[in-house]
Amino acid sequence: MRIKGGIVTRRRKKRLFKKSKGFRLSNKNVYIHASERVDKALVHSYVGRKQKKRDKKSQWILTLNAASRLNGLSYSKFISGIKKAGILLNRKVLAEMAISSPEDFAQLVNIAKS
């Protein structure tokens, strides 16, 4: 007598259909279509998490460029001056400082100029 894998298969399919909830047409309720769509969605979500970090960094750089130009210095010269002065602040902290306390940021720009 053979043993059918009914319960195991059902669990596996339920798990997949839970992930494919909200997809359009047969992509949510036909197993083959749903598995392809879920695989592709997981790939895109992985890539998206990496892109989010890239986008944030470029946003910080834009903020720093604008703030340092207001104080009469380009972004590249500002970063170079900060590094030479031995100030170990990352772009995230510098961008927050440029927004929240422009006076302190202006002092950093003056340090980077000299």
C-alpha atoms as a PDB file:
ATOM      1  CA  MET A   1       0.000   0.000   0.000  1.00  0.00           C
ATOM      2  CA  ARG A   2       1.400   3.359  -0.948  1.00  0.00           C
ATOM      3  CA  ILE A   3       1.330   6.435   1.275  1.00  0.00           C
ATOM      4  CA  LYS A   4       0.187   9.627  -0.365  1.00  0.00           C
ATOM      5  CA  GLY A   5       1.764  12.928   0.768  1.00  0.00           C
ATOM      6  CA  GLY A   6      -1.546  14.763   1.046  1.00  0.00           C
ATOM      7  CA  ILE A   7      -0.957  16.645   4.262  1.00  0.00           C
ATOM      8  CA  VAL A   8       2.624  17.608   3.389  1.00  0.00           C
ATOM      9  CA  THR A   9       1.662  18.830  -0.077  1.00  0.00           C
ATOM     10  CA  ARG A  10      -1.280  20.781   1.287  1.00  0.00           C
ATOM     11  CA  ARG A  11       0.932  22.514   3.869  1.00  0.00           C
ATOM     12  CA  ARG A  12       3.519  23.387   1.256  1.00  0.00           C
ATOM     13  CA  LYS A  13       0.886  24.812  -1.083  1.00  0.00           C
ATOM     14  CA  LYS A  14      -0.806  26.741   1.735  1.00  0.00           C
ATOM     15  CA  ARG A  15       2.521  28.313   2.654  1.00  0.00           C
ATOM     16  CA  LEU A  16       3.070  29.365  -0.966  1.00  0.00           C
ATOM     17  CA  PHE A  17      -0.474  30.700  -1.467  1.00  0.00           C
ATOM     18  CA  LYS A  18      -0.113  32.745   1.721  1.00  0.00           C
ATOM     19  CA  LYS A  19       2.920  34.457   0.167  1.00  0.00           C
ATOM     20  CA  SER A  20       1.113  34.999  -3.148  1.00  0.00           C
ATOM     21  CA  LYS A  21      -1.882  36.707  -1.522  1.00  0.00           C
ATOM     22  CA  GLY A  22      -2.690  39.939  -3.317  1.00  0.00           C
ATOM     23  CA  PHE A  23      -1.249  38.898  -6.686  1.00  0.00           C
ATOM     24  CA  ARG A  24      -3.432  39.270  -9.785  1.00  0.00           C
ATOM     25  CA  LEU A  25      -5.365  36.654 -11.777  1.00  0.00           C
ATOM     26  CA  SER A  26      -4.042  33.069 -11.655  1.00  0.00           C
ATOM     27  CA  ASN A  27      -0.790  34.197 -10.050  1.00  0.00           C
ATOM     28  CA  LYS A  28      -2.450  33.905  -6.662  1.00  0.00           C
ATOM     29  CA  ASN A  29      -4.299  30.597  -6.901  1.00  0.00           C
ATOM     30  CA  VAL A  30      -2.638  28.360  -9.521  1.00  0.00           C
ATOM     31  CA  TYR A  31       0.322  26.594  -7.926  1.00  0.00           C
ATOM     32  CA  ILE A  32       2.796  26.776 -10.843  1.00  0.00           C
ATOM     33  CA  HIS A  33       2.053  30.435 -11.607  1.00  0.00           C
ATOM     34  CA  ALA A  34       2.081  31.352  -7.927  1.00  0.00           C
ATOM     35  CA  SER A  35       5.430  29.657  -7.278  1.00  0.00           C
ATOM     36  CA  GLU A  36       7.050  31.514 -10.210  1.00  0.00           C
ATOM     37  CA  ARG A  37       5.608  34.842  -9.086  1.00  0.00           C
ATOM     38  CA  VAL A  38       6.629  34.328  -5.446  1.00  0.00           C
ATOM     39  CA  ASP A  39      10.186  33.416  -6.472  1.00  0.00           C
ATOM     40  CA  LYS A  40      10.419  36.537  -8.612  1.00  0.00           C
ATOM     41  CA  ALA A  41       8.907  38.683  -5.858  1.00  0.00           C
ATOM     42  CA  LEU A  42      11.467  37.399  -3.347  1.00  0.00           C
ATOM     43  CA  VAL A  43      14.310  38.237  -5.749  1.00  0.00           C
ATOM     44  CA  HIS A  44      12.933  41.747  -6.240  1.00  0.00           C
ATOM     45  CA  SER A  45      12.530  42.275  -2.505  1.00  0.00           C
ATOM     46  CA  TYR A  46      16.173  41.252  -1.925  1.00  0.00           C
ATOM     47  CA  VAL A  47      17.386  43.659  -4.606  1.00  0.00           C
ATOM     48  CA  GLY A  48      15.082  46.383  -3.248  1.00  0.00           C
ATOM     49  CA  ARG A  49      16.616  46.158   0.214  1.00  0.00           C
ATOM     50  CA  LYS A  50      20.051  46.826  -1.295  1.00  0.00           C
ATOM     51  CA  GLN A  51      18.747  49.693  -3.455  1.00  0.00           C
ATOM     52  CA  LYS A  52      17.111  51.334  -0.436  1.00  0.00           C
ATOM     53  CA  LYS A  53      20.509  51.684   1.228  1.00  0.00           C
ATOM     54  CA  ARG A  54      22.002  53.132  -1.975  1.00  0.00           C
ATOM     55  CA  ASP A  55      19.186  55.645  -2.319  1.00  0.00           C
ATOM     56  CA  LYS A  56      19.542  56.791   1.293  1.00  0.00           C
ATOM     57  CA  LYS A  57      23.275  57.389   0.871  1.00  0.00           C
ATOM     58  CA  SER A  58      22.734  59.415  -2.313  1.00  0.00           C
ATOM     59  CA  GLN A  59      20.060  61.435  -0.493  1.00  0.00           C
ATOM     60  CA  TRP A  60      22.538  62.244   2.307  1.00  0.00           C
ATOM     61  CA  ILE A  61      25.125  63.277  -0.287  1.00  0.00           C
ATOM     62  CA  LEU A  62      22.622  65.607  -1.991  1.00  0.00           C
ATOM     63  CA  THR A  63      21.792  67.207   1.364  1.00  0.00           C
ATOM     64  CA  LEU A  64      25.462  67.662   2.234  1.00  0.00           C
ATOM     65  CA  ASN A  65      26.239  69.128  -1.183  1.00  0.00           C
ATOM     66  CA  ALA A  66      23.452  71.699  -0.885  1.00  0.00           C
ATOM     67  CA  ALA A  67      24.346  72.623   2.703  1.00  0.00           C
ATOM     68  CA  SER A  68      28.077  72.921   2.044  1.00  0.00           C
ATOM     69  CA  ARG A  69      27.499  75.046  -1.080  1.00  0.00           C
ATOM     70  CA  LEU A  70      25.399  77.428   1.026  1.00  0.00           C
ATOM     71  CA  ASN A  71      28.546  77.852   3.142  1.00  0.00           C
ATOM     72  CA  GLY A  72      30.779  78.361   0.107  1.00  0.00           C
ATOM     73  CA  LEU A  73      32.355  74.936  -0.394  1.00  0.00           C
ATOM     74  CA  SER A  74      31.687  72.054  -2.784  1.00  0.00           C
ATOM     75  CA  TYR A  75      30.776  68.599  -1.482  1.00  0.00           C
ATOM     76  CA  SER A  76      34.009  66.907  -2.542  1.00  0.00           C
ATOM     77  CA  LYS A  77      36.195  69.604  -0.969  1.00  0.00           C
ATOM     78  CA  PHE A  78      34.054  69.484   2.178  1.00  0.00           C
ATOM     79  CA  ILE A  79      34.438  65.706   2.574  1.00  0.00           C
ATOM     80  CA  SER A  80      38.153  65.934   1.791  1.00  0.00           C
ATOM     81  CA  GLY A  81      38.634  68.711   4.363  1.00  0.00           C
ATOM     82  CA  ILE A  82      36.661  66.809   7.016  1.00  0.00           C
ATOM     83  CA  LYS A  83      38.804  63.691   6.481  1.00  0.00           C
ATOM     84  CA  LYS A  84      42.060  65.690   6.635  1.00  0.00           C
ATOM     85  CA  ALA A  85      40.888  67.399   9.839  1.00  0.00           C
ATOM     86  CA  GLY A  86      40.407  63.954  11.372  1.00  0.00           C
ATOM     87  CA  ILE A  87      36.663  64.282  11.990  1.00  0.00           C
ATOM     88  CA  LEU A  88      35.161  60.795  11.835  1.00  0.00           C
ATOM     89  CA  LEU A  89      31.478  61.543  11.202  1.00  0.00           C
ATOM     90  CA  ASN A  90      29.620  59.573   8.546  1.00  0.00           C
ATOM     91  CA  ARG A  91      27.406  61.103   5.856  1.00  0.00           C
ATOM     92  CA  LYS A  92      24.197  60.223   7.708  1.00  0.00           C
ATOM     93  CA  VAL A  93      25.208  62.150  10.834  1.00  0.00           C
ATOM     94  CA  LEU A  94      26.551  65.055   8.783  1.00  0.00           C
ATOM     95  CA  ALA A  95      23.307  65.293   6.788  1.00  0.00           C
ATOM     96  CA  GLU A  96      21.235  65.250   9.989  1.00  0.00           C
ATOM     97  CA  MET A  97      23.460  67.981  11.395  1.00  0.00           C
ATOM     98  CA  ALA A  98      23.077  70.071   8.226  1.00  0.00           C
ATOM     99  CA  ILE A  99      19.289  69.930   8.590  1.00  0.00           C
ATOM    100  CA  SER A 100      18.823  70.189  12.345  1.00  0.00           C
ATOM    101  CA  SER A 101      21.636  72.566  13.359  1.00  0.00           C
ATOM    102  CA  PRO A 102      22.991  74.637  10.460  1.00  0.00           C
ATOM    103  CA  GLU A 103      25.205  76.763  12.764  1.00  0.00           C
ATOM    104  CA  ASP A 104      27.206  73.740  13.903  1.00  0.00           C
ATOM    105  CA  PHE A 105      27.418  72.521  10.318  1.00  0.00           C
ATOM    106  CA  ALA A 106      28.774  75.934   9.262  1.00  0.00           C
ATOM    107  CA  GLN A 107      31.528  75.508  11.854  1.00  0.00           C
ATOM    108  CA  LEU A 108      32.386  72.128  10.350  1.00  0.00           C
ATOM    109  CA  VAL A 109      32.562  73.726   6.899  1.00  0.00           C
ATOM    110  CA  ASN A 110      34.960  76.357   8.266  1.00  0.00           C
ATOM    111  CA  ILE A 111      37.119  73.580   9.730  1.00  0.00           C
ATOM    112  CA  ALA A 112      37.079  71.803   6.371  1.00  0.00           C
ATOM    113  CA  LYS A 113      38.097  75.033   4.582  1.00  0.00           C
ATOM    114  CA  SER A 114      41.184  75.518   6.729  1.00  0.00           C
END
